Each structure stands twice: as C-alpha cells, then as structure tokens.
Amino acid sequence: MSKYVDKKNIIEENRVHEKDTGSSEVQIALLSKRIAHLTEHLKAHRKDFHSRRGLLMMAARRRKLLDYLKRKNLDQYLAIVQKLSLRR
C-alpha cells in the first residue's frame, strides 16, 4: 500500500461497524484513493506502463466490488458512489 494513502482515516470514515476493516465499502474507498494517487503519478510519467497496468487492475477490482455491492445492497451502493463522487 502506498505511503500516500492514509488507510486508518479512510477505514474509519467508511466502515460499517466498529471492527470493520475489509467490507466492500472500505475496499472501494481505499482503491479509489490509490487510483487517484496513481492517476496523478501517470500524468507526470506518461510512459510508466507498469504502473498503468496496476492502475487498470485496481480500477477493474473496484468495478467488480461496486457491481457486487449494487447486487447485494443498492442503498449502500448509492451512498458510497455519492460519497466518493464516482461516475456511475
């Protein structure tokens, strides 16, 4: 995990219950932060294709988690999309 992602705060803001560290909402929020950070890196380093591949894999993982959440709990899905201001 990148040192630029403040995991503790992200987990506290998005957890469902007190001991939650791995729910779909938390994973989506962490991935969104990492994707944003890596996107900024790629703007400066256009030819970094290894990082670009990692970015695409993270985006695909986030997409799968969002699809899962949409199937299982539409209200939580809509809340997390609005909270993270994702296009959907």
PDB file of N, CA and C in Angstrom:
ATOM      1  N   MET A   1       0.859  -1.179   0.000  1.00  0.00           N
ATOM      2  CA  MET A   1       0.000   0.000   0.000  1.00  0.00           C
ATOM      3  C   MET A   1       0.896   1.231   0.000  1.00  0.00           C
ATOM      4  N   SER A   2       0.474   2.203  -0.713  1.00  0.00           N
ATOM      5  CA  SER A   2       1.264   3.423  -0.853  1.00  0.00           C
ATOM      6  C   SER A   2       1.323   4.194   0.466  1.00  0.00           C
ATOM      7  N   LYS A   3       2.462   4.851   0.691  1.00  0.00           N
ATOM      8  CA  LYS A   3       2.591   5.643   1.913  1.00  0.00           C
ATOM      9  C   LYS A   3       1.779   6.925   1.829  1.00  0.00           C
ATOM     10  N   TYR A   4       1.253   7.259   0.661  1.00  0.00           N
ATOM     11  CA  TYR A   4       0.465   8.473   0.492  1.00  0.00           C
ATOM     12  C   TYR A   4      -1.020   8.252   0.779  1.00  0.00           C
ATOM     13  N   VAL A   5      -1.401   6.992   0.984  1.00  0.00           N
ATOM     14  CA  VAL A   5      -2.789   6.686   1.297  1.00  0.00           C
ATOM     15  C   VAL A   5      -2.910   6.528   2.806  1.00  0.00           C
ATOM     16  N   ASP A   6      -3.737   7.361   3.418  1.00  0.00           N
ATOM     17  CA  ASP A   6      -3.931   7.321   4.865  1.00  0.00           C
ATOM     18  C   ASP A   6      -5.018   6.297   5.179  1.00  0.00           C
ATOM     19  N   LYS A   7      -4.611   5.037   5.284  1.00  0.00           N
ATOM     20  CA  LYS A   7      -5.546   3.936   5.436  1.00  0.00           C
ATOM     21  C   LYS A   7      -6.432   4.070   6.664  1.00  0.00           C
ATOM     22  N   LYS A   8      -5.841   4.456   7.778  1.00  0.00           N
ATOM     23  CA  LYS A   8      -6.584   4.491   9.036  1.00  0.00           C
ATOM     24  C   LYS A   8      -7.799   5.423   8.942  1.00  0.00           C
ATOM     25  N   ASN A   9      -7.586   6.619   8.396  1.00  0.00           N
ATOM     26  CA  ASN A   9      -8.701   7.572   8.272  1.00  0.00           C
ATOM     27  C   ASN A   9      -9.744   7.087   7.279  1.00  0.00           C
ATOM     28  N   ILE A  10      -9.302   6.520   6.177  1.00  0.00           N
ATOM     29  CA  ILE A  10     -10.247   6.033   5.170  1.00  0.00           C
ATOM     30  C   ILE A  10     -11.101   4.914   5.749  1.00  0.00           C
ATOM     31  N   ILE A  11     -10.470   4.013   6.489  1.00  0.00           N
ATOM     32  CA  ILE A  11     -11.219   2.914   7.102  1.00  0.00           C
ATOM     33  C   ILE A  11     -12.224   3.454   8.108  1.00  0.00           C
ATOM     34  N   GLU A  12     -11.818   4.411   8.933  1.00  0.00           N
ATOM     35  CA  GLU A  12     -12.731   4.971   9.935  1.00  0.00           C
ATOM     36  C   GLU A  12     -13.918   5.684   9.287  1.00  0.00           C
ATOM     37  N   GLU A  13     -13.689   6.347   8.174  1.00  0.00           N
ATOM     38  CA  GLU A  13     -14.769   7.092   7.520  1.00  0.00           C
ATOM     39  C   GLU A  13     -15.765   6.177   6.808  1.00  0.00           C
ATOM     40  N   ASN A  14     -15.325   4.990   6.372  1.00  0.00           N
ATOM     41  CA  ASN A  14     -16.178   4.157   5.524  1.00  0.00           C
ATOM     42  C   ASN A  14     -16.598   2.834   6.127  1.00  0.00           C
ATOM     43  N   ARG A  15     -16.214   2.565   7.361  1.00  0.00           N
ATOM     44  CA  ARG A  15     -16.553   1.271   7.933  1.00  0.00           C
ATOM     45  C   ARG A  15     -18.030   1.176   8.281  1.00  0.00           C
ATOM     46  N   VAL A  16     -18.521  -0.048   8.256  1.00  0.00           N
ATOM     47  CA  VAL A  16     -19.927  -0.298   8.520  1.00  0.00           C
ATOM     48  C   VAL A  16     -20.169  -0.470  10.014  1.00  0.00           C
ATOM     49  N   HIS A  17     -19.234  -1.107  10.714  1.00  0.00           N
ATOM     50  CA  HIS A  17     -19.338  -1.293  12.158  1.00  0.00           C
ATOM     51  C   HIS A  17     -17.965  -1.079  12.785  1.00  0.00           C
ATOM     52  N   GLU A  18     -17.876  -1.222  14.090  1.00  0.00           N
ATOM     53  CA  GLU A  18     -16.683  -0.838  14.844  1.00  0.00           C
ATOM     54  C   GLU A  18     -15.410  -1.567  14.411  1.00  0.00           C
ATOM     55  N   LYS A  19     -15.485  -2.862  14.162  1.00  0.00           N
ATOM     56  CA  LYS A  19     -14.286  -3.640  13.842  1.00  0.00           C
ATOM     57  C   LYS A  19     -14.137  -3.902  12.350  1.00  0.00           C
ATOM     58  N   ASP A  20     -14.844  -3.168  11.527  1.00  0.00           N
ATOM     59  CA  ASP A  20     -14.845  -3.379  10.081  1.00  0.00           C
ATOM     60  C   ASP A  20     -13.569  -2.828   9.447  1.00  0.00           C
ATOM     61  N   THR A  21     -12.821  -3.697   8.762  1.00  0.00           N
ATOM     62  CA  THR A  21     -11.642  -3.238   8.033  1.00  0.00           C
ATOM     63  C   THR A  21     -11.632  -3.734   6.599  1.00  0.00           C
ATOM     64  N   GLY A  22     -12.555  -4.617   6.235  1.00  0.00           N
ATOM     65  CA  GLY A  22     -12.480  -5.209   4.908  1.00  0.00           C
ATOM     66  C   GLY A  22     -13.787  -5.305   4.166  1.00  0.00           C
ATOM     67  N   SER A  23     -14.798  -4.556   4.578  1.00  0.00           N
ATOM     68  CA  SER A  23     -16.069  -4.616   3.860  1.00  0.00           C
ATOM     69  C   SER A  23     -15.906  -4.009   2.471  1.00  0.00           C
ATOM     70  N   SER A  24     -16.863  -4.243   1.631  1.00  0.00           N
ATOM     71  CA  SER A  24     -16.803  -3.725   0.264  1.00  0.00           C
ATOM     72  C   SER A  24     -16.651  -2.211   0.245  1.00  0.00           C
ATOM     73  N   GLU A  25     -17.354  -1.523   1.140  1.00  0.00           N
ATOM     74  CA  GLU A  25     -17.285  -0.069   1.176  1.00  0.00           C
ATOM     75  C   GLU A  25     -15.870   0.412   1.485  1.00  0.00           C
ATOM     76  N   VAL A  26     -15.224  -0.229   2.450  1.00  0.00           N
ATOM     77  CA  VAL A  26     -13.861   0.154   2.827  1.00  0.00           C
ATOM     78  C   VAL A  26     -12.901  -0.136   1.681  1.00  0.00           C
ATOM     79  N   GLN A  27     -13.035  -1.312   1.060  1.00  0.00           N
ATOM     80  CA  GLN A  27     -12.153  -1.668  -0.044  1.00  0.00           C
ATOM     81  C   GLN A  27     -12.310  -0.705  -1.216  1.00  0.00           C
ATOM     82  N   ILE A  28     -13.547  -0.322  -1.522  1.00  0.00           N
ATOM     83  CA  ILE A  28     -13.800   0.614  -2.619  1.00  0.00           C
ATOM     84  C   ILE A  28     -13.172   1.968  -2.318  1.00  0.00           C
ATOM     85  N   ALA A  29     -13.309   2.430  -1.081  1.00  0.00           N
ATOM     86  CA  ALA A  29     -12.736   3.726  -0.705  1.00  0.00           C
ATOM     87  C   ALA A  29     -11.209   3.702  -0.784  1.00  0.00           C
ATOM     88  N   LEU A  30     -10.590   2.636  -0.305  1.00  0.00           N
ATOM     89  CA  LEU A  30      -9.130   2.523  -0.372  1.00  0.00           C
ATOM     90  C   LEU A  30      -8.643   2.477  -1.820  1.00  0.00           C
ATOM     91  N   LEU A  31      -9.328   1.681  -2.632  1.00  0.00           N
ATOM     92  CA  LEU A  31      -8.941   1.599  -4.044  1.00  0.00           C
ATOM     93  C   LEU A  31      -9.117   2.946  -4.737  1.00  0.00           C
ATOM     94  N   SER A  32     -10.180   3.667  -4.399  1.00  0.00           N
ATOM     95  CA  SER A  32     -10.418   4.966  -5.033  1.00  0.00           C
ATOM     96  C   SER A  32      -9.288   5.936  -4.712  1.00  0.00           C
ATOM     97  N   LYS A  33      -8.836   5.918  -3.470  1.00  0.00           N
ATOM     98  CA  LYS A  33      -7.736   6.808  -3.079  1.00  0.00           C
ATOM     99  C   LYS A  33      -6.445   6.431  -3.799  1.00  0.00           C
ATOM    100  N   ARG A  34      -6.160   5.127  -3.885  1.00  0.00           N
ATOM    101  CA  ARG A  34      -4.958   4.672  -4.589  1.00  0.00           C
ATOM    102  C   ARG A  34      -5.028   4.994  -6.077  1.00  0.00           C
ATOM    103  N   ILE A  35      -6.215   4.838  -6.667  1.00  0.00           N
ATOM    104  CA  ILE A  35      -6.397   5.148  -8.087  1.00  0.00           C
ATOM    105  C   ILE A  35      -6.158   6.629  -8.338  1.00  0.00           C
ATOM    106  N   ALA A  36      -6.677   7.482  -7.461  1.00  0.00           N
ATOM    107  CA  ALA A  36      -6.476   8.922  -7.618  1.00  0.00           C
ATOM    108  C   ALA A  36      -4.992   9.280  -7.532  1.00  0.00           C
ATOM    109  N   HIS A  37      -4.294   8.667  -6.573  1.00  0.00           N
ATOM    110  CA  HIS A  37      -2.864   8.943  -6.410  1.00  0.00           C
ATOM    111  C   HIS A  37      -2.076   8.474  -7.627  1.00  0.00           C
ATOM    112  N   LEU A  38      -2.383   7.284  -8.121  1.00  0.00           N
ATOM    113  CA  LEU A  38      -1.657   6.742  -9.263  1.00  0.00           C
ATOM    114  C   LEU A  38      -1.977   7.513 -10.542  1.00  0.00           C
ATOM    115  N   THR A  39      -3.176   8.027 -10.651  1.00  0.00           N
ATOM    116  CA  THR A  39      -3.543   8.838 -11.812  1.00  0.00           C
ATOM    117  C   THR A  39      -2.683  10.102 -11.868  1.00  0.00           C
ATOM    118  N   GLU A  40      -2.461  10.723 -10.712  1.00  0.00           N
ATOM    119  CA  GLU A  40      -1.590  11.899 -10.669  1.00  0.00           C
ATOM    120  C   GLU A  40      -0.159  11.536 -11.056  1.00  0.00           C
ATOM    121  N   HIS A  41       0.305  10.389 -10.606  1.00  0.00           N
ATOM    122  CA  HIS A  41       1.654   9.939 -10.961  1.00  0.00           C
ATOM    123  C   HIS A  41       1.780   9.752 -12.468  1.00  0.00           C
ATOM    124  N   LEU A  42       0.758   9.175 -13.075  1.00  0.00           N
ATOM    125  CA  LEU A  42       0.820   8.885 -14.512  1.00  0.00           C
ATOM    126  C   LEU A  42       0.711  10.146 -15.367  1.00  0.00           C
ATOM    127  N   LYS A  43       0.146  11.206 -14.823  1.00  0.00           N
ATOM    128  CA  LYS A  43       0.128  12.467 -15.566  1.00  0.00           C
ATOM    129  C   LYS A  43       1.537  13.008 -15.745  1.00  0.00           C
ATOM    130  N   ALA A  44       2.378  12.786 -14.753  1.00  0.00           N
ATOM    131  CA  ALA A  44       3.757  13.261 -14.823  1.00  0.00           C
ATOM    132  C   ALA A  44       4.670  12.275 -15.541  1.00  0.00           C
ATOM    133  N   HIS A  45       4.349  10.980 -15.451  1.00  0.00           N
ATOM    134  CA  HIS A  45       5.201   9.939 -16.035  1.00  0.00           C
ATOM    135  C   HIS A  45       4.390   9.136 -17.052  1.00  0.00           C
ATOM    136  N   ARG A  46       4.211   9.712 -18.221  1.00  0.00           N
ATOM    137  CA  ARG A  46       3.330   9.134 -19.227  1.00  0.00           C
ATOM    138  C   ARG A  46       3.765   7.757 -19.727  1.00  0.00           C
ATOM    139  N   LYS A  47       5.020   7.466 -19.702  1.00  0.00           N
ATOM    140  CA  LYS A  47       5.499   6.197 -20.260  1.00  0.00           C
ATOM    141  C   LYS A  47       5.680   5.095 -19.218  1.00  0.00           C
ATOM    142  N   ASP A  48       5.159   5.301 -18.025  1.00  0.00           N
ATOM    143  CA  ASP A  48       5.255   4.299 -16.970  1.00  0.00           C
ATOM    144  C   ASP A  48       4.148   3.264 -17.161  1.00  0.00           C
ATOM    145  N   PHE A  49       4.406   2.323 -18.064  1.00  0.00           N
ATOM    146  CA  PHE A  49       3.370   1.369 -18.445  1.00  0.00           C
ATOM    147  C   PHE A  49       3.129   0.309 -17.368  1.00  0.00           C
ATOM    148  N   HIS A  50       4.115   0.036 -16.544  1.00  0.00           N
ATOM    149  CA  HIS A  50       3.915  -0.930 -15.462  1.00  0.00           C
ATOM    150  C   HIS A  50       2.923  -0.379 -14.440  1.00  0.00           C
ATOM    151  N   SER A  51       3.050   0.881 -14.100  1.00  0.00           N
ATOM    152  CA  SER A  51       2.099   1.491 -13.172  1.00  0.00           C
ATOM    153  C   SER A  51       0.728   1.624 -13.814  1.00  0.00           C
ATOM    154  N   ARG A  52       0.686   1.870 -15.110  1.00  0.00           N
ATOM    155  CA  ARG A  52      -0.591   1.966 -15.821  1.00  0.00           C
ATOM    156  C   ARG A  52      -1.348   0.643 -15.743  1.00  0.00           C
ATOM    157  N   ARG A  53      -0.606  -0.469 -15.865  1.00  0.00           N
ATOM    158  CA  ARG A  53      -1.241  -1.780 -15.757  1.00  0.00           C
ATOM    159  C   ARG A  53      -1.818  -1.968 -14.356  1.00  0.00           C
ATOM    160  N   GLY A  54      -1.066  -1.566 -13.345  1.00  0.00           N
ATOM    161  CA  GLY A  54      -1.562  -1.652 -11.977  1.00  0.00           C
ATOM    162  C   GLY A  54      -2.815  -0.810 -11.778  1.00  0.00           C
ATOM    163  N   LEU A  55      -2.824   0.371 -12.381  1.00  0.00           N
ATOM    164  CA  LEU A  55      -3.994   1.247 -12.294  1.00  0.00           C
ATOM    165  C   LEU A  55      -5.215   0.587 -12.912  1.00  0.00           C
ATOM    166  N   LEU A  56      -5.035  -0.013 -14.071  1.00  0.00           N
ATOM    167  CA  LEU A  56      -6.153  -0.681 -14.740  1.00  0.00           C
ATOM    168  C   LEU A  56      -6.667  -1.864 -13.917  1.00  0.00           C
ATOM    169  N   MET A  57      -5.759  -2.592 -13.278  1.00  0.00           N
ATOM    170  CA  MET A  57      -6.187  -3.719 -12.445  1.00  0.00           C
ATOM    171  C   MET A  57      -6.946  -3.234 -11.213  1.00  0.00           C
ATOM    172  N   MET A  58      -6.485  -2.117 -10.619  1.00  0.00           N
ATOM    173  CA  MET A  58      -7.195  -1.558  -9.468  1.00  0.00           C
ATOM    174  C   MET A  58      -8.587  -1.070  -9.869  1.00  0.00           C
ATOM    175  N   ALA A  59      -8.681  -0.427 -11.026  1.00  0.00           N
ATOM    176  CA  ALA A  59      -9.979   0.068 -11.494  1.00  0.00           C
ATOM    177  C   ALA A  59     -10.932  -1.102 -11.745  1.00  0.00           C
ATOM    178  N   ALA A  60     -10.419  -2.194 -12.304  1.00  0.00           N
ATOM    179  CA  ALA A  60     -11.259  -3.368 -12.549  1.00  0.00           C
ATOM    180  C   ALA A  60     -11.723  -3.986 -11.234  1.00  0.00           C
ATOM    181  N   ARG A  61     -10.833  -4.056 -10.246  1.00  0.00           N
ATOM    182  CA  ARG A  61     -11.205  -4.610  -8.942  1.00  0.00           C
ATOM    183  C   ARG A  61     -12.271  -3.747  -8.281  1.00  0.00           C
ATOM    184  N   ARG A  62     -12.121  -2.408  -8.376  1.00  0.00           N
ATOM    185  CA  ARG A  62     -13.122  -1.504  -7.801  1.00  0.00           C
ATOM    186  C   ARG A  62     -14.455  -1.674  -8.512  1.00  0.00           C
ATOM    187  N   ARG A  63     -14.412  -1.815  -9.828  1.00  0.00           N
ATOM    188  CA  ARG A  63     -15.641  -2.010 -10.610  1.00  0.00           C
ATOM    189  C   ARG A  63     -16.369  -3.279 -10.170  1.00  0.00           C
ATOM    190  N   LYS A  64     -15.610  -4.378  -9.962  1.00  0.00           N
ATOM    191  CA  LYS A  64     -16.219  -5.639  -9.514  1.00  0.00           C
ATOM    192  C   LYS A  64     -16.834  -5.490  -8.132  1.00  0.00           C
ATOM    193  N   LEU A  65     -16.140  -4.799  -7.233  1.00  0.00           N
ATOM    194  CA  LEU A  65     -16.685  -4.584  -5.890  1.00  0.00           C
ATOM    195  C   LEU A  65     -17.950  -3.730  -5.938  1.00  0.00           C
ATOM    196  N   LEU A  66     -17.949  -2.718  -6.805  1.00  0.00           N
ATOM    197  CA  LEU A  66     -19.141  -1.877  -6.939  1.00  0.00           C
ATOM    198  C   LEU A  66     -20.314  -2.682  -7.503  1.00  0.00           C
ATOM    199  N   ASP A  67     -20.046  -3.536  -8.480  1.00  0.00           N
ATOM    200  CA  ASP A  67     -21.109  -4.375  -9.037  1.00  0.00           C
ATOM    201  C   ASP A  67     -21.667  -5.325  -7.977  1.00  0.00           C
ATOM    202  N   TYR A  68     -20.777  -5.904  -7.171  1.00  0.00           N
ATOM    203  CA  TYR A  68     -21.206  -6.791  -6.086  1.00  0.00           C
ATOM    204  C   TYR A  68     -22.083  -6.033  -5.099  1.00  0.00           C
ATOM    205  N   LEU A  69     -21.638  -4.849  -4.698  1.00  0.00           N
ATOM    206  CA  LEU A  69     -22.397  -4.067  -3.729  1.00  0.00           C
ATOM    207  C   LEU A  69     -23.755  -3.653  -4.296  1.00  0.00           C
ATOM    208  N   LYS A  70     -23.775  -3.353  -5.577  1.00  0.00           N
ATOM    209  CA  LYS A  70     -25.038  -2.974  -6.228  1.00  0.00           C
ATOM    210  C   LYS A  70     -26.029  -4.135  -6.208  1.00  0.00           C
ATOM    211  N   ARG A  71     -25.518  -5.354  -6.417  1.00  0.00           N
ATOM    212  CA  ARG A  71     -26.382  -6.545  -6.373  1.00  0.00           C
ATOM    213  C   ARG A  71     -26.884  -6.830  -4.965  1.00  0.00           C
ATOM    214  N   LYS A  72     -26.004  -6.683  -3.967  1.00  0.00           N
ATOM    215  CA  LYS A  72     -26.342  -7.097  -2.609  1.00  0.00           C
ATOM    216  C   LYS A  72     -27.085  -6.036  -1.810  1.00  0.00           C
ATOM    217  N   ASN A  73     -26.696  -4.763  -1.970  1.00  0.00           N
ATOM    218  CA  ASN A  73     -27.319  -3.711  -1.162  1.00  0.00           C
ATOM    219  C   ASN A  73     -27.291  -2.402  -1.954  1.00  0.00           C
ATOM    220  N   LEU A  74     -28.370  -2.111  -2.634  1.00  0.00           N
ATOM    221  CA  LEU A  74     -28.440  -0.948  -3.518  1.00  0.00           C
ATOM    222  C   LEU A  74     -28.287   0.363  -2.747  1.00  0.00           C
ATOM    223  N   ASP A  75     -28.835   0.434  -1.528  1.00  0.00           N
ATOM    224  CA  ASP A  75     -28.746   1.669  -0.755  1.00  0.00           C
ATOM    225  C   ASP A  75     -27.294   2.007  -0.402  1.00  0.00           C
ATOM    226  N   GLN A  76     -26.541   0.996   0.046  1.00  0.00           N
ATOM    227  CA  GLN A  76     -25.132   1.230   0.372  1.00  0.00           C
ATOM    228  C   GLN A  76     -24.339   1.576  -0.884  1.00  0.00           C
ATOM    229  N   TYR A  77     -24.678   0.947  -2.003  1.00  0.00           N
ATOM    230  CA  TYR A  77     -24.015   1.241  -3.274  1.00  0.00           C
ATOM    231  C   TYR A  77     -24.204   2.708  -3.649  1.00  0.00           C
ATOM    232  N   LEU A  78     -25.449   3.165  -3.594  1.00  0.00           N
ATOM    233  CA  LEU A  78     -25.732   4.560  -3.951  1.00  0.00           C
ATOM    234  C   LEU A  78     -25.040   5.521  -2.995  1.00  0.00           C
ATOM    235  N   ALA A  79     -24.991   5.164  -1.717  1.00  0.00           N
ATOM    236  CA  ALA A  79     -24.338   6.023  -0.730  1.00  0.00           C
ATOM    237  C   ALA A  79     -22.836   6.133  -0.992  1.00  0.00           C
ATOM    238  N   ILE A  80     -22.176   5.020  -1.288  1.00  0.00           N
ATOM    239  CA  ILE A  80     -20.722   5.056  -1.498  1.00  0.00           C
ATOM    240  C   ILE A  80     -20.376   5.753  -2.803  1.00  0.00           C
ATOM    241  N   VAL A  81     -21.198   5.583  -3.838  1.00  0.00           N
ATOM    242  CA  VAL A  81     -20.952   6.267  -5.111  1.00  0.00           C
ATOM    243  C   VAL A  81     -21.067   7.775  -4.918  1.00  0.00           C
ATOM    244  N   GLN A  82     -22.076   8.202  -4.165  1.00  0.00           N
ATOM    245  CA  GLN A  82     -22.246   9.633  -3.919  1.00  0.00           C
ATOM    246  C   GLN A  82     -21.127  10.170  -3.011  1.00  0.00           C
ATOM    247  N   LYS A  83     -20.776   9.415  -1.984  1.00  0.00           N
ATOM    248  CA  LYS A  83     -19.753   9.864  -1.031  1.00  0.00           C
ATOM    249  C   LYS A  83     -18.394  10.028  -1.697  1.00  0.00           C
ATOM    250  N   LEU A  84     -18.037   9.094  -2.576  1.00  0.00           N
ATOM    251  CA  LEU A  84     -16.736   9.156  -3.253  1.00  0.00           C
ATOM    252  C   LEU A  84     -16.819   9.913  -4.575  1.00  0.00           C
ATOM    253  N   SER A  85     -18.022  10.385  -4.910  1.00  0.00           N
ATOM    254  CA  SER A  85     -18.297  11.112  -6.169  1.00  0.00           C
ATOM    255  C   SER A  85     -17.694  10.379  -7.371  1.00  0.00           C
ATOM    256  N   LEU A  86     -18.138   9.114  -7.505  1.00  0.00           N
ATOM    257  CA  LEU A  86     -17.731   8.300  -8.651  1.00  0.00           C
ATOM    258  C   LEU A  86     -18.752   8.465  -9.771  1.00  0.00           C
ATOM    259  N   ARG A  87     -18.282   8.405 -10.994  1.00  0.00           N
ATOM    260  CA  ARG A  87     -19.204   8.453 -12.125  1.00  0.00           C
ATOM    261  C   ARG A  87     -19.838   7.087 -12.271  1.00  0.00           C
ATOM    262  N   ARG A  88     -21.154   7.043 -12.323  1.00  0.00           N
ATOM    263  CA  ARG A  88     -21.821   5.761 -12.472  1.00  0.00           C
ATOM    264  C   ARG A  88     -23.168   5.963 -13.056  1.00  0.00           C
TER     265      ARG A  88
END
